[in-house]
Amino acid sequence: MSAQRDQLQAQRRALIRQLSQLGPWIEGTLVSTARTCGKKRCVCMNKGPKHPVMYITNKEQGKTVSLYIPRKLEAEVSTWVKNYRKAKELIREISNVQKEIIRLREE
């Protein structure tokens, strides 16, 4: 039982290390859409193709909120969203290991 506990604690340390090595993260969902730019002479104002844009959406106080992502930050923000998903996954795994450690102490 002690060997199993040691193994679980080592697994927990490894997961926490992975979590600490993640870069910045941000909660939300990336949404790609198209919009008009507002310039009077642009073709998008005259039923031409609209400009592709990206937003990040999330819930705040029960309402969906969108935040415009400047084109030069799109790749970076995409990485942040992936890091957030990975962080959530790692936290879930750490929690599961913690539960197993608790179960061992009950026996």
C-alpha atoms as a PDB file:
ATOM      1  CA  MET A   1       0.000   0.000   0.000  1.00  0.00           C
ATOM      2  CA  SER A   2       2.877   2.379   0.774  1.00  0.00           C
ATOM      3  CA  ALA A   3       4.460   1.626  -2.612  1.00  0.00           C
ATOM      4  CA  GLN A   4       1.167   2.422  -4.324  1.00  0.00           C
ATOM      5  CA  ARG A   5       0.879   5.678  -2.369  1.00  0.00           C
ATOM      6  CA  ASP A   6       4.455   6.596  -3.319  1.00  0.00           C
ATOM      7  CA  GLN A   7       3.664   5.880  -6.958  1.00  0.00           C
ATOM      8  CA  LEU A   8       0.531   8.058  -6.825  1.00  0.00           C
ATOM      9  CA  GLN A   9       2.436  10.891  -5.150  1.00  0.00           C
ATOM     10  CA  ALA A  10       5.132  10.683  -7.835  1.00  0.00           C
ATOM     11  CA  GLN A  11       2.419  10.781 -10.497  1.00  0.00           C
ATOM     12  CA  ARG A  12       0.895  13.837  -8.803  1.00  0.00           C
ATOM     13  CA  ARG A  13       4.274  15.611  -8.718  1.00  0.00           C
ATOM     14  CA  ALA A  14       4.783  14.886 -12.426  1.00  0.00           C
ATOM     15  CA  LEU A  15       1.338  16.273 -13.289  1.00  0.00           C
ATOM     16  CA  ILE A  16       1.926  19.398 -11.198  1.00  0.00           C
ATOM     17  CA  ARG A  17       5.269  19.874 -12.947  1.00  0.00           C
ATOM     18  CA  GLN A  18       3.523  19.668 -16.332  1.00  0.00           C
ATOM     19  CA  LEU A  19       0.966  22.224 -15.159  1.00  0.00           C
ATOM     20  CA  SER A  20       3.684  24.604 -13.999  1.00  0.00           C
ATOM     21  CA  GLN A  21       5.447  24.354 -17.370  1.00  0.00           C
ATOM     22  CA  LEU A  22       2.425  25.476 -19.366  1.00  0.00           C
ATOM     23  CA  GLY A  23       2.638  28.921 -20.830  1.00  0.00           C
ATOM     24  CA  PRO A  24      -0.029  31.586 -20.418  1.00  0.00           C
ATOM     25  CA  TRP A  25      -3.620  30.497 -20.778  1.00  0.00           C
ATOM     26  CA  ILE A  26      -7.009  32.062 -21.279  1.00  0.00           C
ATOM     27  CA  GLU A  27     -10.489  30.688 -20.772  1.00  0.00           C
ATOM     28  CA  GLY A  28     -12.788  30.875 -23.753  1.00  0.00           C
ATOM     29  CA  THR A  29     -13.715  29.606 -27.167  1.00  0.00           C
ATOM     30  CA  LEU A  30     -12.215  30.945 -30.369  1.00  0.00           C
ATOM     31  CA  VAL A  31     -14.798  32.026 -32.927  1.00  0.00           C
ATOM     32  CA  SER A  32     -14.006  32.975 -36.525  1.00  0.00           C
ATOM     33  CA  THR A  33     -16.450  35.121 -38.433  1.00  0.00           C
ATOM     34  CA  ALA A  34     -16.500  37.975 -40.958  1.00  0.00           C
ATOM     35  CA  ARG A  35     -17.516  41.596 -40.556  1.00  0.00           C
ATOM     36  CA  THR A  36     -17.501  44.931 -42.299  1.00  0.00           C
ATOM     37  CA  CYS A  37     -14.670  47.262 -41.405  1.00  0.00           C
ATOM     38  CA  GLY A  38     -16.635  50.495 -41.498  1.00  0.00           C
ATOM     39  CA  LYS A  39     -14.557  52.266 -44.156  1.00  0.00           C
ATOM     40  CA  LYS A  40     -16.950  53.864 -46.636  1.00  0.00           C
ATOM     41  CA  ARG A  41     -14.868  53.009 -49.717  1.00  0.00           C
ATOM     42  CA  CYS A  42     -14.142  49.390 -48.785  1.00  0.00           C
ATOM     43  CA  VAL A  43     -15.821  46.665 -50.865  1.00  0.00           C
ATOM     44  CA  CYS A  44     -17.170  45.102 -47.676  1.00  0.00           C
ATOM     45  CA  MET A  45     -19.530  48.070 -47.311  1.00  0.00           C
ATOM     46  CA  ASN A  46     -21.015  47.446 -50.780  1.00  0.00           C
ATOM     47  CA  LYS A  47     -22.040  43.802 -50.465  1.00  0.00           C
ATOM     48  CA  GLY A  48     -18.527  42.604 -51.232  1.00  0.00           C
ATOM     49  CA  PRO A  49     -16.649  40.023 -49.192  1.00  0.00           C
ATOM     50  CA  LYS A  50     -16.333  40.843 -45.514  1.00  0.00           C
ATOM     51  CA  HIS A  51     -13.099  40.747 -43.553  1.00  0.00           C
ATOM     52  CA  PRO A  52     -12.327  37.589 -41.549  1.00  0.00           C
ATOM     53  CA  VAL A  53     -12.011  38.264 -37.818  1.00  0.00           C
ATOM     54  CA  MET A  54     -11.536  36.234 -34.681  1.00  0.00           C
ATOM     55  CA  TYR A  55     -13.112  36.607 -31.258  1.00  0.00           C
ATOM     56  CA  ILE A  56     -12.764  34.783 -27.995  1.00  0.00           C
ATOM     57  CA  THR A  57     -16.042  34.164 -26.211  1.00  0.00           C
ATOM     58  CA  ASN A  58     -16.806  33.140 -22.665  1.00  0.00           C
ATOM     59  CA  LYS A  59     -19.534  33.467 -20.062  1.00  0.00           C
ATOM     60  CA  GLU A  60     -19.492  36.332 -17.589  1.00  0.00           C
ATOM     61  CA  GLN A  61     -22.321  36.496 -15.075  1.00  0.00           C
ATOM     62  CA  GLY A  62     -24.358  34.111 -17.213  1.00  0.00           C
ATOM     63  CA  LYS A  63     -23.977  36.085 -20.440  1.00  0.00           C
ATOM     64  CA  THR A  64     -21.787  35.350 -23.433  1.00  0.00           C
ATOM     65  CA  VAL A  65     -19.131  38.007 -23.888  1.00  0.00           C
ATOM     66  CA  SER A  66     -16.958  38.366 -26.997  1.00  0.00           C
ATOM     67  CA  LEU A  67     -13.524  39.914 -27.136  1.00  0.00           C
ATOM     68  CA  TYR A  68     -12.045  40.894 -30.508  1.00  0.00           C
ATOM     69  CA  ILE A  69      -8.625  39.362 -31.201  1.00  0.00           C
ATOM     70  CA  PRO A  70      -6.320  41.579 -33.302  1.00  0.00           C
ATOM     71  CA  ARG A  71      -4.977  39.666 -36.298  1.00  0.00           C
ATOM     72  CA  LYS A  72      -1.379  39.837 -35.050  1.00  0.00           C
ATOM     73  CA  LEU A  73      -2.413  38.096 -31.784  1.00  0.00           C
ATOM     74  CA  GLU A  74      -4.568  35.329 -33.289  1.00  0.00           C
ATOM     75  CA  ALA A  75      -1.885  32.614 -33.231  1.00  0.00           C
ATOM     76  CA  GLU A  76      -0.766  33.526 -29.722  1.00  0.00           C
ATOM     77  CA  VAL A  77      -4.304  33.617 -28.333  1.00  0.00           C
ATOM     78  CA  SER A  78      -5.020  30.281 -29.993  1.00  0.00           C
ATOM     79  CA  THR A  79      -2.066  28.821 -28.074  1.00  0.00           C
ATOM     80  CA  TRP A  80      -3.384  30.351 -24.846  1.00  0.00           C
ATOM     81  CA  VAL A  81      -6.768  28.684 -25.382  1.00  0.00           C
ATOM     82  CA  LYS A  82      -5.061  25.318 -26.004  1.00  0.00           C
ATOM     83  CA  ASN A  83      -2.997  25.819 -22.840  1.00  0.00           C
ATOM     84  CA  TYR A  84      -6.183  26.486 -20.863  1.00  0.00           C
ATOM     85  CA  ARG A  85      -7.723  23.231 -22.095  1.00  0.00           C
ATOM     86  CA  LYS A  86      -4.514  21.383 -21.189  1.00  0.00           C
ATOM     87  CA  ALA A  87      -4.484  23.029 -17.733  1.00  0.00           C
ATOM     88  CA  LYS A  88      -8.068  21.902 -17.122  1.00  0.00           C
ATOM     89  CA  GLU A  89      -7.169  18.379 -18.188  1.00  0.00           C
ATOM     90  CA  LEU A  90      -4.125  18.310 -15.892  1.00  0.00           C
ATOM     91  CA  ILE A  91      -6.117  19.665 -12.946  1.00  0.00           C
ATOM     92  CA  ARG A  92      -8.714  16.940 -13.500  1.00  0.00           C
ATOM     93  CA  GLU A  93      -5.978  14.288 -13.561  1.00  0.00           C
ATOM     94  CA  ILE A  94      -4.369  15.699 -10.396  1.00  0.00           C
ATOM     95  CA  SER A  95      -7.752  15.645  -8.679  1.00  0.00           C
ATOM     96  CA  ASN A  96      -8.272  12.006  -9.679  1.00  0.00           C
ATOM     97  CA  VAL A  97      -4.857  11.068  -8.272  1.00  0.00           C
ATOM     98  CA  GLN A  98      -5.720  12.920  -5.056  1.00  0.00           C
ATOM     99  CA  LYS A  99      -8.932  10.880  -4.775  1.00  0.00           C
ATOM    100  CA  GLU A 100      -6.949   7.670  -5.159  1.00  0.00           C
ATOM    101  CA  ILE A 101      -4.559   8.786  -2.408  1.00  0.00           C
ATOM    102  CA  ILE A 102      -7.531   9.459  -0.137  1.00  0.00           C
ATOM    103  CA  ARG A 103      -8.997   6.044  -0.911  1.00  0.00           C
ATOM    104  CA  LEU A 104      -5.707   4.405   0.072  1.00  0.00           C
ATOM    105  CA  ARG A 105      -5.783   6.174   3.431  1.00  0.00           C
ATOM    106  CA  GLU A 106      -9.290   4.866   4.080  1.00  0.00           C
ATOM    107  CA  GLU A 107      -8.209   1.224   3.778  1.00  0.00           C
END
